[in-house]
PDB file of N, CA and C in Angstrom:
ATOM      1  N   MET A   1    -108.126 109.774 -64.950  1.00  0.00           N
ATOM      2  CA  MET A   1    -109.401 109.964 -64.303  1.00  0.00           C
ATOM      3  C   MET A   1    -108.991 109.891 -62.737  1.00  0.00           C
ATOM      4  N   ASN A   2    -109.225 110.943 -61.973  1.00  0.00           N
ATOM      5  CA  ASN A   2    -109.375 110.734 -60.633  1.00  0.00           C
ATOM      6  C   ASN A   2    -109.986 110.283 -59.989  1.00  0.00           C
ATOM      7  N   ILE A   3    -109.924 109.021 -58.763  1.00  0.00           N
ATOM      8  CA  ILE A   3    -110.981 108.370 -58.136  1.00  0.00           C
ATOM      9  C   ILE A   3    -110.762 108.514 -56.773  1.00  0.00           C
ATOM     10  N   GLU A   4    -111.948 108.993 -56.083  1.00  0.00           N
ATOM     11  CA  GLU A   4    -112.096 109.079 -54.909  1.00  0.00           C
ATOM     12  C   GLU A   4    -113.176 107.900 -54.453  1.00  0.00           C
ATOM     13  N   ILE A   5    -112.761 107.424 -52.911  1.00  0.00           N
ATOM     14  CA  ILE A   5    -113.649 106.301 -52.337  1.00  0.00           C
ATOM     15  C   ILE A   5    -113.859 106.811 -51.095  1.00  0.00           C
ATOM     16  N   THR A   6    -114.747 106.862 -50.795  1.00  0.00           N
ATOM     17  CA  THR A   6    -115.195 107.483 -49.338  1.00  0.00           C
ATOM     18  C   THR A   6    -116.000 106.215 -48.397  1.00  0.00           C
ATOM     19  N   PHE A   7    -115.990 106.225 -47.353  1.00  0.00           N
ATOM     20  CA  PHE A   7    -116.510 105.156 -46.647  1.00  0.00           C
ATOM     21  C   PHE A   7    -117.176 105.849 -45.256  1.00  0.00           C
ATOM     22  N   ARG A   8    -118.487 106.018 -45.026  1.00  0.00           N
ATOM     23  CA  ARG A   8    -119.091 106.843 -44.117  1.00  0.00           C
ATOM     24  C   ARG A   8    -119.606 105.551 -42.907  1.00  0.00           C
ATOM     25  N   HIS A   9    -119.578 106.107 -41.861  1.00  0.00           N
ATOM     26  CA  HIS A   9    -119.976 105.466 -40.444  1.00  0.00           C
ATOM     27  C   HIS A   9    -119.260 103.824 -40.334  1.00  0.00           C
ATOM     28  N   ASP A  10    -118.125 103.549 -40.926  1.00  0.00           N
ATOM     29  CA  ASP A  10    -117.588 102.063 -40.609  1.00  0.00           C
ATOM     30  C   ASP A  10    -116.272 102.358 -41.150  1.00  0.00           C
ATOM     31  N   ASP A  11    -115.551 101.094 -41.076  1.00  0.00           N
ATOM     32  CA  ASP A  11    -114.323 101.066 -41.762  1.00  0.00           C
ATOM     33  C   ASP A  11    -114.471  99.854 -42.356  1.00  0.00           C
ATOM     34  N   PHE A  12    -114.114 100.274 -43.916  1.00  0.00           N
ATOM     35  CA  PHE A  12    -114.282  98.324 -44.798  1.00  0.00           C
ATOM     36  C   PHE A  12    -112.732  98.314 -45.212  1.00  0.00           C
ATOM     37  N   PRO A  13    -112.769  97.075 -45.634  1.00  0.00           N
ATOM     38  CA  PRO A  13    -111.383  96.554 -46.011  1.00  0.00           C
ATOM     39  C   PRO A  13    -110.404  97.091 -46.893  1.00  0.00           C
ATOM     40  N   LYS A  14    -109.441  97.004 -46.913  1.00  0.00           N
ATOM     41  CA  LYS A  14    -108.824  97.562 -48.138  1.00  0.00           C
ATOM     42  C   LYS A  14    -109.055  97.230 -49.368  1.00  0.00           C
ATOM     43  N   ALA A  15    -109.225  95.776 -49.791  1.00  0.00           N
ATOM     44  CA  ALA A  15    -109.318  95.131 -50.784  1.00  0.00           C
ATOM     45  C   ALA A  15    -110.573  95.671 -51.350  1.00  0.00           C
ATOM     46  N   LEU A  16    -111.660  96.135 -50.876  1.00  0.00           N
ATOM     47  CA  LEU A  16    -112.664  96.447 -51.461  1.00  0.00           C
ATOM     48  C   LEU A  16    -112.394  97.939 -51.853  1.00  0.00           C
ATOM     49  N   ARG A  17    -111.688  98.710 -51.448  1.00  0.00           N
ATOM     50  CA  ARG A  17    -111.470  99.915 -51.984  1.00  0.00           C
ATOM     51  C   ARG A  17    -110.498  99.728 -53.447  1.00  0.00           C
ATOM     52  N   GLU A  18    -109.655  99.091 -53.614  1.00  0.00           N
ATOM     53  CA  GLU A  18    -108.623  98.550 -54.506  1.00  0.00           C
ATOM     54  C   GLU A  18    -109.770  97.956 -55.556  1.00  0.00           C
ATOM     55  N   TYR A  19    -110.706  96.969 -55.427  1.00  0.00           N
ATOM     56  CA  TYR A  19    -111.569  96.625 -56.492  1.00  0.00           C
ATOM     57  C   TYR A  19    -112.594  97.469 -56.952  1.00  0.00           C
ATOM     58  N   ALA A  20    -112.919  98.525 -56.053  1.00  0.00           N
ATOM     59  CA  ALA A  20    -113.938  99.540 -56.606  1.00  0.00           C
ATOM     60  C   ALA A  20    -113.170 100.341 -57.507  1.00  0.00           C
ATOM     61  N   ALA A  21    -111.951 100.765 -56.844  1.00  0.00           N
ATOM     62  CA  ALA A  21    -111.046 101.661 -57.954  1.00  0.00           C
ATOM     63  C   ALA A  21    -111.014 100.793 -59.285  1.00  0.00           C
ATOM     64  N   LYS A  22    -110.579  99.672 -59.161  1.00  0.00           N
ATOM     65  CA  LYS A  22    -110.042  98.958 -60.662  1.00  0.00           C
ATOM     66  C   LYS A  22    -111.325  98.695 -61.234  1.00  0.00           C
ATOM     67  N   GLN A  23    -112.702  98.429 -60.701  1.00  0.00           N
ATOM     68  CA  GLN A  23    -113.684  98.269 -61.591  1.00  0.00           C
ATOM     69  C   GLN A  23    -114.381  99.894 -62.138  1.00  0.00           C
ATOM     70  N   LEU A  24    -113.831 100.696 -61.509  1.00  0.00           N
ATOM     71  CA  LEU A  24    -114.386 102.265 -61.992  1.00  0.00           C
ATOM     72  C   LEU A  24    -112.951 102.529 -63.114  1.00  0.00           C
ATOM     73  N   GLU A  25    -112.012 102.178 -62.986  1.00  0.00           N
ATOM     74  CA  GLU A  25    -110.967 102.221 -64.230  1.00  0.00           C
ATOM     75  C   GLU A  25    -111.536 101.942 -65.363  1.00  0.00           C
ATOM     76  N   LYS A  26    -112.102 100.437 -65.333  1.00  0.00           N
ATOM     77  CA  LYS A  26    -112.483  99.675 -66.530  1.00  0.00           C
ATOM     78  C   LYS A  26    -113.562 100.551 -67.238  1.00  0.00           C
ATOM     79  N   LEU A  27    -114.108 101.759 -66.932  1.00  0.00           N
ATOM     80  CA  LEU A  27    -115.152 102.103 -67.620  1.00  0.00           C
ATOM     81  C   LEU A  27    -114.850 103.223 -68.579  1.00  0.00           C
ATOM     82  N   GLU A  28    -113.645 103.464 -68.708  1.00  0.00           N
ATOM     83  CA  GLU A  28    -112.785 104.206 -69.500  1.00  0.00           C
ATOM     84  C   GLU A  28    -112.481 103.877 -70.677  1.00  0.00           C
ATOM     85  N   ARG A  29    -112.910 102.376 -70.983  1.00  0.00           N
ATOM     86  CA  ARG A  29    -112.823 102.062 -72.349  1.00  0.00           C
ATOM     87  C   ARG A  29    -114.025 102.434 -73.252  1.00  0.00           C
ATOM     88  N   PHE A  30    -114.819 103.054 -72.707  1.00  0.00           N
ATOM     89  CA  PHE A  30    -115.814 103.276 -73.322  1.00  0.00           C
ATOM     90  C   PHE A  30    -115.939 104.680 -74.210  1.00  0.00           C
ATOM     91  N   GLY A  31    -114.578 105.161 -74.004  1.00  0.00           N
ATOM     92  CA  GLY A  31    -114.137 105.955 -74.779  1.00  0.00           C
ATOM     93  C   GLY A  31    -114.628 107.624 -74.140  1.00  0.00           C
ATOM     94  N   GLU A  32    -115.235 107.809 -73.187  1.00  0.00           N
ATOM     95  CA  GLU A  32    -115.779 108.810 -72.784  1.00  0.00           C
ATOM     96  C   GLU A  32    -114.905 109.434 -71.475  1.00  0.00           C
ATOM     97  N   GLU A  33    -114.334 110.600 -71.691  1.00  0.00           N
ATOM     98  CA  GLU A  33    -113.622 111.408 -70.927  1.00  0.00           C
ATOM     99  C   GLU A  33    -114.066 111.802 -69.558  1.00  0.00           C
ATOM    100  N   PHE A  34    -113.712 110.931 -68.453  1.00  0.00           N
ATOM    101  CA  PHE A  34    -114.327 111.402 -67.176  1.00  0.00           C
ATOM    102  C   PHE A  34    -113.353 112.159 -66.470  1.00  0.00           C
ATOM    103  N   GLU A  35    -113.706 113.201 -66.019  1.00  0.00           N
ATOM    104  CA  GLU A  35    -112.952 114.048 -65.189  1.00  0.00           C
ATOM    105  C   GLU A  35    -112.574 113.371 -63.819  1.00  0.00           C
ATOM    106  N   LYS A  36    -113.696 112.648 -62.858  1.00  0.00           N
ATOM    107  CA  LYS A  36    -113.466 112.396 -62.034  1.00  0.00           C
ATOM    108  C   LYS A  36    -114.658 111.160 -61.388  1.00  0.00           C
ATOM    109  N   GLY A  37    -114.143 109.976 -60.629  1.00  0.00           N
ATOM    110  CA  GLY A  37    -115.021 109.156 -60.288  1.00  0.00           C
ATOM    111  C   GLY A  37    -115.176 109.198 -58.618  1.00  0.00           C
ATOM    112  N   GLU A  38    -116.183 108.966 -58.227  1.00  0.00           N
ATOM    113  CA  GLU A  38    -116.474 108.610 -56.619  1.00  0.00           C
ATOM    114  C   GLU A  38    -117.169 107.450 -56.645  1.00  0.00           C
ATOM    115  N   PHE A  39    -116.591 107.050 -55.358  1.00  0.00           N
ATOM    116  CA  PHE A  39    -117.669 105.704 -55.031  1.00  0.00           C
ATOM    117  C   PHE A  39    -117.887 106.263 -53.369  1.00  0.00           C
ATOM    118  N   VAL A  40    -119.054 106.006 -52.695  1.00  0.00           N
ATOM    119  CA  VAL A  40    -119.402 106.485 -51.335  1.00  0.00           C
ATOM    120  C   VAL A  40    -119.874 104.967 -50.967  1.00  0.00           C
ATOM    121  N   PHE A  41    -119.331 104.566 -49.792  1.00  0.00           N
ATOM    122  CA  PHE A  41    -119.800 103.627 -48.973  1.00  0.00           C
ATOM    123  C   PHE A  41    -120.670 103.716 -47.826  1.00  0.00           C
ATOM    124  N   VAL A  42    -121.496 103.142 -47.364  1.00  0.00           N
ATOM    125  CA  VAL A  42    -122.174 103.212 -46.398  1.00  0.00           C
ATOM    126  C   VAL A  42    -122.464 102.423 -45.512  1.00  0.00           C
ATOM    127  N   ASN A  43    -122.689 101.771 -44.383  1.00  0.00           N
ATOM    128  CA  ASN A  43    -122.960 100.635 -43.880  1.00  0.00           C
ATOM    129  C   ASN A  43    -124.223 100.631 -43.015  1.00  0.00           C
ATOM    130  N   GLU A  44    -125.351 100.455 -43.782  1.00  0.00           N
ATOM    131  CA  GLU A  44    -126.732 100.870 -43.034  1.00  0.00           C
ATOM    132  C   GLU A  44    -127.514  98.953 -42.690  1.00  0.00           C
ATOM    133  N   ALA A  45    -127.543  99.148 -41.383  1.00  0.00           N
ATOM    134  CA  ALA A  45    -128.494  97.903 -41.125  1.00  0.00           C
ATOM    135  C   ALA A  45    -127.797  96.626 -41.425  1.00  0.00           C
ATOM    136  N   GLY A  46    -126.615  96.413 -41.369  1.00  0.00           N
ATOM    137  CA  GLY A  46    -126.045  95.172 -42.073  1.00  0.00           C
ATOM    138  C   GLY A  46    -125.820  95.097 -43.543  1.00  0.00           C
ATOM    139  N   GLU A  47    -126.378  95.972 -44.194  1.00  0.00           N
ATOM    140  CA  GLU A  47    -126.279  95.786 -46.018  1.00  0.00           C
ATOM    141  C   GLU A  47    -124.936  97.009 -45.768  1.00  0.00           C
ATOM    142  N   VAL A  48    -124.745  96.993 -47.114  1.00  0.00           N
ATOM    143  CA  VAL A  48    -123.412  98.125 -47.699  1.00  0.00           C
ATOM    144  C   VAL A  48    -124.576  98.842 -48.729  1.00  0.00           C
ATOM    145  N   ALA A  49    -124.559  99.928 -48.383  1.00  0.00           N
ATOM    146  CA  ALA A  49    -124.945 100.730 -49.427  1.00  0.00           C
ATOM    147  C   ALA A  49    -123.703 101.798 -50.279  1.00  0.00           C
ATOM    148  N   CYS A  50    -124.249 101.604 -51.705  1.00  0.00           N
ATOM    149  CA  CYS A  50    -122.834 102.171 -52.291  1.00  0.00           C
ATOM    150  C   CYS A  50    -123.376 103.023 -53.665  1.00  0.00           C
ATOM    151  N   GLU A  51    -122.855 104.068 -53.752  1.00  0.00           N
ATOM    152  CA  GLU A  51    -123.333 105.108 -54.539  1.00  0.00           C
ATOM    153  C   GLU A  51    -121.889 105.394 -55.426  1.00  0.00           C
ATOM    154  N   ALA A  52    -122.120 105.388 -56.682  1.00  0.00           N
ATOM    155  CA  ALA A  52    -120.955 105.751 -57.617  1.00  0.00           C
ATOM    156  C   ALA A  52    -121.536 106.929 -58.517  1.00  0.00           C
ATOM    157  N   ILE A  53    -120.602 108.012 -58.853  1.00  0.00           N
ATOM    158  CA  ILE A  53    -120.617 109.334 -59.300  1.00  0.00           C
ATOM    159  C   ILE A  53    -119.588 109.417 -60.619  1.00  0.00           C
ATOM    160  N   LEU A  54    -120.137 109.401 -61.905  1.00  0.00           N
ATOM    161  CA  LEU A  54    -118.693 109.709 -62.901  1.00  0.00           C
ATOM    162  C   LEU A  54    -119.203 111.081 -63.612  1.00  0.00           C
ATOM    163  N   HIS A  55    -118.205 111.788 -62.699  1.00  0.00           N
ATOM    164  CA  HIS A  55    -118.105 113.519 -63.442  1.00  0.00           C
ATOM    165  C   HIS A  55    -117.681 113.355 -64.918  1.00  0.00           C
ATOM    166  N   ARG A  56    -118.441 114.056 -65.667  1.00  0.00           N
ATOM    167  CA  ARG A  56    -117.887 114.346 -67.106  1.00  0.00           C
ATOM    168  C   ARG A  56    -117.336 115.742 -67.498  1.00  0.00           C
ATOM    169  N   HIS A  57    -116.792 115.900 -68.558  1.00  0.00           N
ATOM    170  CA  HIS A  57    -116.158 117.148 -68.846  1.00  0.00           C
ATOM    171  C   HIS A  57    -117.152 118.180 -69.054  1.00  0.00           C
ATOM    172  N   LYS A  58    -118.045 117.772 -69.973  1.00  0.00           N
ATOM    173  CA  LYS A  58    -119.380 118.510 -69.977  1.00  0.00           C
ATOM    174  C   LYS A  58    -120.824 117.500 -69.674  1.00  0.00           C
ATOM    175  N   GLY A  59    -121.869 118.397 -69.317  1.00  0.00           N
ATOM    176  CA  GLY A  59    -123.102 117.996 -68.877  1.00  0.00           C
ATOM    177  C   GLY A  59    -123.211 117.371 -67.662  1.00  0.00           C
ATOM    178  N   GLU A  60    -124.246 116.489 -67.324  1.00  0.00           N
ATOM    179  CA  GLU A  60    -124.433 116.230 -66.249  1.00  0.00           C
ATOM    180  C   GLU A  60    -123.858 114.591 -65.788  1.00  0.00           C
ATOM    181  N   PRO A  61    -123.576 114.866 -64.840  1.00  0.00           N
ATOM    182  CA  PRO A  61    -122.779 113.254 -64.052  1.00  0.00           C
ATOM    183  C   PRO A  61    -123.673 111.995 -64.383  1.00  0.00           C
ATOM    184  N   PHE A  62    -122.804 110.908 -64.455  1.00  0.00           N
ATOM    185  CA  PHE A  62    -123.803 109.881 -64.448  1.00  0.00           C
ATOM    186  C   PHE A  62    -123.651 109.296 -62.922  1.00  0.00           C
ATOM    187  N   VAL A  63    -124.584 108.716 -62.165  1.00  0.00           N
ATOM    188  CA  VAL A  63    -125.067 108.589 -60.842  1.00  0.00           C
ATOM    189  C   VAL A  63    -125.838 106.825 -60.869  1.00  0.00           C
ATOM    190  N   ALA A  64    -125.115 106.149 -59.750  1.00  0.00           N
ATOM    191  CA  ALA A  64    -126.141 104.976 -59.432  1.00  0.00           C
ATOM    192  C   ALA A  64    -125.623 104.708 -58.321  1.00  0.00           C
ATOM    193  N   HIS A  65    -126.957 103.921 -57.779  1.00  0.00           N
ATOM    194  CA  HIS A  65    -127.161 103.697 -56.015  1.00  0.00           C
ATOM    195  C   HIS A  65    -127.344 101.953 -56.258  1.00  0.00           C
ATOM    196  N   ASP A  66    -126.858 101.445 -55.409  1.00  0.00           N
ATOM    197  CA  ASP A  66    -127.504  99.954 -54.947  1.00  0.00           C
ATOM    198  C   ASP A  66    -127.023  99.797 -53.592  1.00  0.00           C
ATOM    199  N   ARG A  67    -128.017  98.874 -53.094  1.00  0.00           N
ATOM    200  CA  ARG A  67    -127.554  97.883 -51.596  1.00  0.00           C
ATOM    201  C   ARG A  67    -127.399  96.586 -51.913  1.00  0.00           C
ATOM    202  N   ALA A  68    -126.328  96.018 -50.957  1.00  0.00           N
ATOM    203  CA  ALA A  68    -126.363  94.372 -51.165  1.00  0.00           C
ATOM    204  C   ALA A  68    -125.714  94.052 -49.757  1.00  0.00           C
ATOM    205  N   PRO A  69    -125.447  92.703 -49.275  1.00  0.00           N
ATOM    206  CA  PRO A  69    -125.085  92.546 -48.008  1.00  0.00           C
ATOM    207  C   PRO A  69    -123.809  92.524 -48.196  1.00  0.00           C
ATOM    208  N   GLU A  70    -123.031  92.373 -49.437  1.00  0.00           N
ATOM    209  CA  GLU A  70    -121.749  92.407 -49.591  1.00  0.00           C
ATOM    210  C   GLU A  70    -121.116  93.829 -50.267  1.00  0.00           C
ATOM    211  N   GLY A  71    -120.114  93.963 -49.911  1.00  0.00           N
ATOM    212  CA  GLY A  71    -119.415  95.399 -50.687  1.00  0.00           C
ATOM    213  C   GLY A  71    -119.248  94.958 -52.078  1.00  0.00           C
ATOM    214  N   ARG A  72    -118.709  93.923 -52.372  1.00  0.00           N
ATOM    215  CA  ARG A  72    -118.077  93.559 -54.048  1.00  0.00           C
ATOM    216  C   ARG A  72    -119.320  93.418 -54.655  1.00  0.00           C
ATOM    217  N   THR A  73    -120.466  92.893 -53.998  1.00  0.00           N
ATOM    218  CA  THR A  73    -121.791  92.820 -54.886  1.00  0.00           C
ATOM    219  C   THR A  73    -122.495  94.208 -55.251  1.00  0.00           C
ATOM    220  N   ALA A  74    -122.276  95.111 -54.116  1.00  0.00           N
ATOM    221  CA  ALA A  74    -122.593  96.298 -54.380  1.00  0.00           C
ATOM    222  C   ALA A  74    -121.825  96.959 -55.714  1.00  0.00           C
ATOM    223  N   VAL A  75    -120.468  97.038 -55.389  1.00  0.00           N
ATOM    224  CA  VAL A  75    -120.032  97.432 -56.460  1.00  0.00           C
ATOM    225  C   VAL A  75    -120.228  96.798 -57.664  1.00  0.00           C
ATOM    226  N   ASP A  76    -120.356  95.738 -57.947  1.00  0.00           N
ATOM    227  CA  ASP A  76    -120.778  95.090 -59.221  1.00  0.00           C
ATOM    228  C   ASP A  76    -121.891  95.760 -59.964  1.00  0.00           C
ATOM    229  N   ASN A  77    -123.104  95.523 -59.055  1.00  0.00           N
ATOM    230  CA  ASN A  77    -123.981  96.348 -59.330  1.00  0.00           C
ATOM    231  C   ASN A  77    -124.209  97.680 -59.840  1.00  0.00           C
ATOM    232  N   VAL A  78    -123.561  98.459 -58.784  1.00  0.00           N
ATOM    233  CA  VAL A  78    -123.510  99.767 -59.398  1.00  0.00           C
ATOM    234  C   VAL A  78    -122.781  99.910 -60.752  1.00  0.00           C
ATOM    235  N   VAL A  79    -121.664  99.204 -61.077  1.00  0.00           N
ATOM    236  CA  VAL A  79    -120.489  99.280 -62.251  1.00  0.00           C
ATOM    237  C   VAL A  79    -121.582  99.027 -63.247  1.00  0.00           C
ATOM    238  N   ASP A  80    -122.476  97.802 -63.242  1.00  0.00           N
ATOM    239  CA  ASP A  80    -123.310  97.402 -64.279  1.00  0.00           C
ATOM    240  C   ASP A  80    -124.680  98.587 -64.314  1.00  0.00           C
ATOM    241  N   LYS A  81    -125.085  99.088 -63.781  1.00  0.00           N
ATOM    242  CA  LYS A  81    -125.763 100.480 -63.603  1.00  0.00           C
ATOM    243  C   LYS A  81    -125.097 101.313 -64.750  1.00  0.00           C
ATOM    244  N   LEU A  82    -124.165 101.708 -64.100  1.00  0.00           N
ATOM    245  CA  LEU A  82    -123.218 102.528 -65.034  1.00  0.00           C
ATOM    246  C   LEU A  82    -122.990 102.419 -66.574  1.00  0.00           C
ATOM    247  N   VAL A  83    -122.665 101.260 -66.628  1.00  0.00           N
ATOM    248  CA  VAL A  83    -122.299 100.777 -67.950  1.00  0.00           C
ATOM    249  C   VAL A  83    -123.446 101.112 -68.787  1.00  0.00           C
ATOM    250  N   ARG A  84    -125.289 100.203 -68.115  1.00  0.00           N
ATOM    251  CA  ARG A  84    -126.181 100.678 -68.921  1.00  0.00           C
ATOM    252  C   ARG A  84    -126.345 102.569 -69.313  1.00  0.00           C
ATOM    253  N   GLN A  85    -125.974 102.955 -68.095  1.00  0.00           N
ATOM    254  CA  GLN A  85    -126.529 104.709 -68.658  1.00  0.00           C
ATOM    255  C   GLN A  85    -125.026 105.181 -69.526  1.00  0.00           C
ATOM    256  N   ILE A  86    -124.265 104.790 -69.412  1.00  0.00           N
ATOM    257  CA  ILE A  86    -123.514 105.174 -70.604  1.00  0.00           C
ATOM    258  C   ILE A  86    -123.464 105.025 -71.770  1.00  0.00           C
ATOM    259  N   LEU A  87    -123.935 103.609 -71.899  1.00  0.00           N
ATOM    260  CA  LEU A  87    -124.162 102.945 -73.602  1.00  0.00           C
ATOM    261  C   LEU A  87    -125.619 103.549 -73.838  1.00  0.00           C
ATOM    262  N   LYS A  88    -126.210 103.938 -73.090  1.00  0.00           N
ATOM    263  CA  LYS A  88    -127.621 104.490 -73.543  1.00  0.00           C
ATOM    264  C   LYS A  88    -127.475 105.832 -74.379  1.00  0.00           C
ATOM    265  N   PHE A  89    -126.769 106.733 -73.338  1.00  0.00           N
ATOM    266  CA  PHE A  89    -126.082 107.683 -73.820  1.00  0.00           C
ATOM    267  C   PHE A  89    -125.599 108.186 -74.862  1.00  0.00           C
ATOM    268  N   LYS A  90    -124.193 107.058 -75.152  1.00  0.00           N
ATOM    269  CA  LYS A  90    -123.721 106.991 -76.399  1.00  0.00           C
ATOM    270  C   LYS A  90    -124.573 106.640 -77.560  1.00  0.00           C
ATOM    271  N   GLU A  91    -125.457 105.640 -77.227  1.00  0.00           N
ATOM    272  CA  GLU A  91    -126.602 105.295 -78.447  1.00  0.00           C
ATOM    273  C   GLU A  91    -127.324 106.991 -78.694  1.00  0.00           C
ATOM    274  N   LYS A  92    -127.750 107.318 -77.875  1.00  0.00           N
ATOM    275  CA  LYS A  92    -128.978 108.323 -78.138  1.00  0.00           C
ATOM    276  C   LYS A  92    -128.061 109.515 -78.705  1.00  0.00           C
ATOM    277  N   HIS A  93    -126.998 109.657 -78.297  1.00  0.00           N
ATOM    278  CA  HIS A  93    -126.202 110.772 -79.113  1.00  0.00           C
ATOM    279  C   HIS A  93    -125.712 110.551 -80.351  1.00  0.00           C
ATOM    280  N   SER A  94    -125.332 109.171 -80.517  1.00  0.00           N
ATOM    281  CA  SER A  94    -124.668 108.916 -81.968  1.00  0.00           C
ATOM    282  C   SER A  94    -125.933 108.887 -82.935  1.00  0.00           C
ATOM    283  N   ALA A  95    -127.275 108.700 -82.728  1.00  0.00           N
ATOM    284  CA  ALA A  95    -128.114 108.564 -83.616  1.00  0.00           C
ATOM    285  C   ALA A  95    -128.694 109.671 -83.660  1.00  0.00           C
ATOM    286  N   LYS A  96    -128.648 110.864 -83.185  1.00  0.00           N
ATOM    287  CA  LYS A  96    -128.600 112.198 -83.462  1.00  0.00           C
ATOM    288  C   LYS A  96    -127.770 112.592 -84.243  1.00  0.00           C
ATOM    289  N   ALA A  97    -126.553 112.392 -83.963  1.00  0.00           N
ATOM    290  CA  ALA A  97    -125.420 112.777 -85.002  1.00  0.00           C
ATOM    291  C   ALA A  97    -125.916 112.354 -86.552  1.00  0.00           C
ATOM    292  N   ARG A  98    -126.251 110.972 -86.696  1.00  0.00           N
ATOM    293  CA  ARG A  98    -126.596 110.463 -87.898  1.00  0.00           C
ATOM    294  C   ARG A  98    -127.830 110.856 -88.418  1.00  0.00           C
ATOM    295  N   ARG A  99    -128.772 111.230 -87.639  1.00  0.00           N
ATOM    296  CA  ARG A  99    -130.169 111.776 -88.110  1.00  0.00           C
ATOM    297  C   ARG A  99    -129.824 113.294 -88.685  1.00  0.00           C
ATOM    298  N   HIS A 100    -129.026 114.217 -88.268  1.00  0.00           N
ATOM    299  CA  HIS A 100    -128.723 115.386 -88.695  1.00  0.00           C
ATOM    300  C   HIS A 100    -127.703 115.088 -90.491  1.00  0.00           C
ATOM    301  N   ARG A 101    -126.998 114.606 -90.405  1.00  0.00           N
ATOM    302  CA  ARG A 101    -126.409 114.339 -91.679  1.00  0.00           C
ATOM    303  C   ARG A 101    -127.235 113.627 -92.573  1.00  0.00           C
ATOM    304  N   ALA A 102    -128.226 112.955 -92.253  1.00  0.00           N
ATOM    305  CA  ALA A 102    -128.890 112.470 -93.410  1.00  0.00           C
ATOM    306  C   ALA A 102    -129.919 113.534 -94.187  1.00  0.00           C
ATOM    307  N   ALA A 103    -130.452 114.551 -93.282  1.00  0.00           N
ATOM    308  CA  ALA A 103    -130.794 115.658 -93.616  1.00  0.00           C
ATOM    309  C   ALA A 103    -130.233 116.928 -94.367  1.00  0.00           C
ATOM    310  N   GLU A 104    -129.145 116.492 -94.602  1.00  0.00           N
ATOM    311  CA  GLU A 104    -128.281 117.442 -95.219  1.00  0.00           C
ATOM    312  C   GLU A 104    -128.353 117.115 -96.737  1.00  0.00           C
TER     313      GLU A 104
END
């Protein structure tokens, strides 16, 4: 997966960039093939606004937003939101496949 990390309106520490990339790589364990992962950080009024986008090969991307006083907290919250979205997506589509097999 290609990972892009963008910082707008401010410089952020290199450690935050590495932490965000490591957290995004952990999402590959769900078995979903992602083409690209993006993190966008914006410093707004003393808080860090974080947006994560996971682009899939097919279909709509998974997107999550969060704001927190610290960058790592924002990254953790965004990754948690993405995990919930991925699990909900996988659960929904696996239930549909079982339903169609039962009808045959």
